[in-house]
Amino acid sequence: MLEKGLVDAIKFYEMGQAGVLALIGGVANYFYYLEKKGMTFRLASFLTNAVLSFFIGMVLGDLLPESEHKHGLFMVSGFCCYPILGYIETRVKKYLDKDLEKK
């Protein structure tokens, strides 16, 4: 039983690692943006950025092949979260439009 719990904990850690690394990139982006624009810290914006960055990291964690640069790519994906979300949204809309036209 202890072994199964340990195996499950390791799987959970490995799954969440991509999200956590992207979250770090998202946090860096938020503070970069604050500094660049001279804005003040807002908790709601910070949390939104963190959650979306984590999401992007988890999605890319399943899509990216193994690579020695994978961890850095997760952090960059969190930093570039909004452009990546925009790209995904555009591509999915195009895919769905084509798929619906076939039916």
Protein backbone atom coordinates (compact mmCIF):
# COMPACT_ATOMS: atom_id res chain seq x y z
CA MET A 1 0.00 0.00 0.00
CA LEU A 2 2.83 2.38 0.85
CA GLU A 3 4.52 1.57 -2.47
CA LYS A 4 1.34 2.40 -4.43
CA GLY A 5 1.04 5.71 -2.57
CA LEU A 6 4.66 6.52 -3.38
CA VAL A 7 4.20 5.62 -7.05
CA ASP A 8 1.07 7.80 -7.20
CA ALA A 9 2.92 10.70 -5.55
CA ILE A 10 5.75 10.42 -8.08
CA LYS A 11 3.27 10.37 -11.00
CA PHE A 12 1.48 13.42 -9.58
CA TYR A 13 4.82 15.23 -9.18
CA GLU A 14 5.86 14.41 -12.74
CA MET A 15 2.49 15.53 -14.12
CA GLY A 16 2.54 18.80 -12.23
CA GLN A 17 6.17 19.62 -12.91
CA ALA A 18 5.42 21.12 -16.35
CA GLY A 19 2.63 23.25 -14.88
CA VAL A 20 4.74 24.48 -12.00
CA LEU A 21 7.63 25.43 -14.29
CA ALA A 22 5.24 27.31 -16.59
CA LEU A 23 3.72 28.98 -13.54
CA ILE A 24 7.18 30.29 -12.62
CA GLY A 25 7.46 31.74 -16.13
CA GLY A 26 4.00 33.29 -15.77
CA VAL A 27 4.93 34.90 -12.47
CA ALA A 28 8.10 36.29 -14.05
CA ASN A 29 6.01 37.68 -16.90
CA TYR A 30 3.57 39.32 -14.51
CA PHE A 31 6.32 41.14 -12.62
CA TYR A 32 8.08 42.04 -15.88
CA TYR A 33 4.83 43.53 -17.17
CA LEU A 34 4.28 45.47 -13.92
CA GLU A 35 7.76 46.93 -14.12
CA LYS A 36 7.59 47.68 -17.84
CA LYS A 37 4.18 49.40 -17.69
CA GLY A 38 4.62 50.99 -14.26
CA MET A 39 1.42 49.34 -13.01
CA THR A 40 0.57 48.32 -9.46
CA PHE A 41 0.22 44.77 -8.21
CA ARG A 42 -3.31 43.32 -8.32
CA LEU A 43 -3.87 39.96 -6.69
CA ALA A 44 -6.68 38.93 -9.07
CA SER A 45 -4.52 39.61 -12.15
CA PHE A 46 -1.58 37.82 -10.57
CA LEU A 47 -3.65 34.72 -9.79
CA THR A 48 -5.24 34.73 -13.25
CA ASN A 49 -1.81 34.87 -14.86
CA ALA A 50 -0.55 32.08 -12.60
CA VAL A 51 -3.50 29.77 -13.32
CA LEU A 52 -3.37 30.31 -17.09
CA SER A 53 0.40 29.76 -17.13
CA PHE A 54 -0.03 26.52 -15.16
CA PHE A 55 -2.69 25.42 -17.65
CA ILE A 56 -0.42 26.10 -20.64
CA GLY A 57 2.40 24.17 -18.98
CA MET A 58 0.17 21.17 -18.37
CA VAL A 59 -1.10 21.19 -21.96
CA LEU A 60 2.40 21.49 -23.44
CA GLY A 61 3.68 18.89 -20.99
CA ASP A 62 1.60 16.31 -22.83
CA LEU A 63 2.41 17.62 -26.31
CA LEU A 64 6.16 18.26 -26.29
CA PRO A 65 8.51 15.35 -26.95
CA GLU A 66 11.29 14.57 -24.50
CA SER A 67 14.16 17.01 -24.85
CA GLU A 68 17.01 18.35 -22.77
CA HIS A 69 15.45 21.82 -23.23
CA LYS A 70 11.94 20.82 -22.16
CA HIS A 71 12.10 22.45 -18.72
CA GLY A 72 13.20 25.77 -20.17
CA LEU A 73 10.45 25.57 -22.77
CA PHE A 74 7.87 25.15 -20.00
CA MET A 75 9.08 28.32 -18.29
CA VAL A 76 9.10 30.24 -21.59
CA SER A 77 5.59 28.96 -22.33
CA GLY A 78 4.40 30.38 -19.01
CA PHE A 79 6.12 33.68 -19.75
CA CYS A 80 4.44 33.79 -23.20
CA CYS A 81 1.13 32.43 -21.96
CA TYR A 82 -1.24 34.92 -23.59
CA PRO A 83 0.21 34.72 -27.12
CA ILE A 84 0.17 30.91 -26.88
CA LEU A 85 -3.46 30.92 -25.73
CA GLY A 86 -4.36 33.20 -28.64
CA TYR A 87 -2.61 30.90 -31.09
CA ILE A 88 -4.33 27.81 -29.69
CA GLU A 89 -7.71 29.54 -29.80
CA THR A 90 -7.25 30.53 -33.46
CA ARG A 91 -6.09 27.05 -34.50
CA VAL A 92 -8.90 25.26 -32.66
CA LYS A 93 -11.52 27.58 -34.21
CA LYS A 94 -10.13 26.87 -37.71
CA TYR A 95 -10.10 23.14 -37.01
CA LEU A 96 -13.67 23.17 -35.72
CA ASP A 97 -14.88 25.26 -38.64
CA LYS A 98 -13.40 22.77 -41.12
CA ASP A 99 -14.75 19.83 -39.15
CA LEU A 100 -18.27 21.29 -38.97
CA GLU A 101 -18.28 22.11 -42.71
CA LYS A 102 -17.67 18.43 -43.50
CA LYS A 103 -20.85 17.40 -41.67
